[in-house]
Amino acid sequence: MDATKTFIKVYNITQEQAEDFAFDHDVTCSDLLTELVPNLDQWGDIGWVELEDYEYNIHQNTMHITLETKWDAPLRWIQQASFDTPYFENKLITMVTIQKDETHASGAALMDGEILQNKTIAL
């Protein structure tokens, strides 16, 4: 594993909302990250982050975003995105991060900028 991987899932996104989101934001490159949270001071302690994948699952009405970071989970970034992004308003967001060295994994659940759950387990 070359980087810390983070898998983000946003629930209850309609197909229309997903299409509008993809129209409003560049979902093909890492510019999406700065579009959602333009103030870098609100990104937390992550040194760099890249968008690896974006997709919408029409059958489950979920948006999936996969990120790569150097070490840390982008918890502050997703917390701010969940608060500032109109498409994420009143939506449950879960995030699972597998540490680069595979020593531990962490999981978080958020809604409207509030961290509902944040756990770390050793692997």
Protein backbone atom coordinates (compact mmCIF):
# COMPACT_ATOMS: atom_id res chain seq x y z
CA MET A 1 0.00 0.00 0.00
CA ASP A 2 1.59 3.27 -1.14
CA ALA A 3 -0.65 5.73 0.69
CA THR A 4 -3.19 5.96 3.45
CA LYS A 5 -6.55 5.19 1.82
CA THR A 6 -9.82 6.73 2.89
CA PHE A 7 -13.20 5.52 1.70
CA ILE A 8 -16.06 8.01 2.13
CA LYS A 9 -19.72 7.18 1.63
CA VAL A 10 -22.52 9.77 1.57
CA TYR A 11 -25.99 8.28 2.07
CA ASN A 12 -29.40 9.26 0.65
CA ILE A 13 -28.15 11.07 -2.43
CA THR A 14 -30.71 11.00 -5.20
CA GLN A 15 -29.67 10.49 -8.79
CA GLU A 16 -30.64 14.08 -9.55
CA GLN A 17 -28.51 15.37 -6.66
CA ALA A 18 -25.56 13.25 -7.84
CA GLU A 19 -25.91 14.58 -11.38
CA ASP A 20 -26.08 18.17 -10.10
CA PHE A 21 -23.06 17.54 -7.87
CA ALA A 22 -21.04 16.15 -10.80
CA PHE A 23 -22.12 19.13 -12.93
CA ASP A 24 -21.17 21.68 -10.25
CA HIS A 25 -17.87 20.04 -9.25
CA ASP A 26 -15.00 18.43 -11.12
CA VAL A 27 -15.29 14.85 -9.87
CA THR A 28 -12.39 13.65 -12.03
CA CYS A 29 -9.47 15.30 -10.23
CA SER A 30 -8.28 16.50 -6.84
CA ASP A 31 -9.69 19.98 -7.51
CA LEU A 32 -12.90 18.55 -6.07
CA LEU A 33 -11.28 18.61 -2.63
CA THR A 34 -10.51 22.34 -2.71
CA GLU A 35 -13.89 23.07 -4.29
CA LEU A 36 -15.64 21.46 -1.31
CA VAL A 37 -13.32 22.93 1.36
CA PRO A 38 -11.46 25.91 -0.13
CA ASN A 39 -9.89 27.09 3.14
CA LEU A 40 -6.79 24.92 3.65
CA ASP A 41 -6.72 25.83 7.36
CA GLN A 42 -9.85 23.69 7.72
CA TRP A 43 -8.19 20.55 6.33
CA GLY A 44 -6.51 19.49 9.58
CA ASP A 45 -3.03 17.98 9.72
CA ILE A 46 -2.99 16.17 6.38
CA GLY A 47 0.13 17.01 4.36
CA TRP A 48 -1.43 16.19 1.01
CA VAL A 49 -4.58 14.56 -0.25
CA GLU A 50 -5.54 13.29 -3.69
CA LEU A 51 -8.81 12.13 -5.15
CA GLU A 52 -8.44 8.53 -6.29
CA ASP A 53 -12.01 7.75 -7.27
CA TYR A 54 -15.54 9.12 -7.32
CA GLU A 55 -18.70 7.25 -8.18
CA TYR A 56 -22.41 7.27 -7.54
CA ASN A 57 -24.31 4.06 -6.80
CA ILE A 58 -27.79 4.46 -8.25
CA HIS A 59 -29.08 1.28 -6.56
CA GLN A 60 -28.13 2.35 -3.03
CA ASN A 61 -28.38 6.13 -3.53
CA THR A 62 -24.85 6.57 -2.21
CA MET A 63 -21.93 8.69 -3.30
CA HIS A 64 -18.48 7.10 -2.93
CA ILE A 65 -15.26 9.10 -2.72
CA THR A 66 -11.86 7.45 -2.33
CA LEU A 67 -8.94 9.59 -1.18
CA GLU A 68 -5.23 9.06 -0.67
CA THR A 69 -3.29 10.93 2.00
CA LYS A 70 0.25 10.69 3.27
CA TRP A 71 -0.57 9.44 6.79
CA ASP A 72 -3.56 10.90 8.56
CA ALA A 73 -7.24 10.41 7.91
CA PRO A 74 -8.84 13.56 6.46
CA LEU A 75 -11.28 13.84 9.38
CA ARG A 76 -11.21 17.66 9.61
CA TRP A 77 -11.61 17.94 5.83
CA ILE A 78 -14.70 15.70 5.69
CA GLN A 79 -16.10 17.36 8.81
CA GLN A 80 -15.87 20.74 7.12
CA ALA A 81 -17.18 19.38 3.80
CA SER A 82 -20.18 17.87 5.59
CA PHE A 83 -20.94 21.27 7.10
CA ASP A 84 -20.24 23.53 4.10
CA THR A 85 -21.43 21.47 1.13
CA PRO A 86 -25.16 21.93 0.39
CA TYR A 87 -25.34 18.47 -1.23
CA PHE A 88 -24.24 16.92 2.09
CA GLU A 89 -26.77 18.78 4.24
CA ASN A 90 -28.69 16.38 6.52
CA LYS A 91 -26.81 13.42 5.01
CA LEU A 92 -25.07 10.70 6.97
CA ILE A 93 -21.42 10.38 5.93
CA THR A 94 -19.19 7.49 6.89
CA MET A 95 -15.44 7.37 6.46
CA VAL A 96 -13.07 4.42 6.80
CA THR A 97 -9.32 4.94 6.67
CA ILE A 98 -6.67 2.24 6.39
CA GLN A 99 -3.32 3.53 7.62
CA LYS A 100 -0.45 3.53 5.12
CA ASP A 101 1.62 1.09 7.18
CA GLU A 102 -1.50 -1.02 7.80
CA THR A 103 -1.07 -0.84 11.59
CA HIS A 104 -4.56 0.45 12.23
CA ALA A 105 -7.84 1.48 10.67
CA SER A 106 -10.19 4.22 11.75
CA GLY A 107 -13.83 4.87 11.11
CA ALA A 108 -16.00 7.92 11.56
CA ALA A 109 -19.62 8.88 11.05
CA LEU A 110 -20.59 12.51 10.55
CA MET A 111 -23.60 14.63 9.82
CA ASP A 112 -23.76 18.40 9.27
CA GLY A 113 -20.26 18.98 10.63
CA GLU A 114 -20.82 16.95 13.78
CA ILE A 115 -18.72 13.84 14.44
CA LEU A 116 -21.20 11.21 15.58
CA GLN A 117 -18.63 8.43 16.00
CA ASN A 118 -14.86 8.19 15.65
CA LYS A 119 -13.07 4.91 16.42
CA THR A 120 -9.62 3.46 15.76
CA ILE A 121 -8.73 -0.22 15.81
CA ALA A 122 -5.30 -1.88 15.64
CA LEU A 123 -4.82 -4.35 12.84
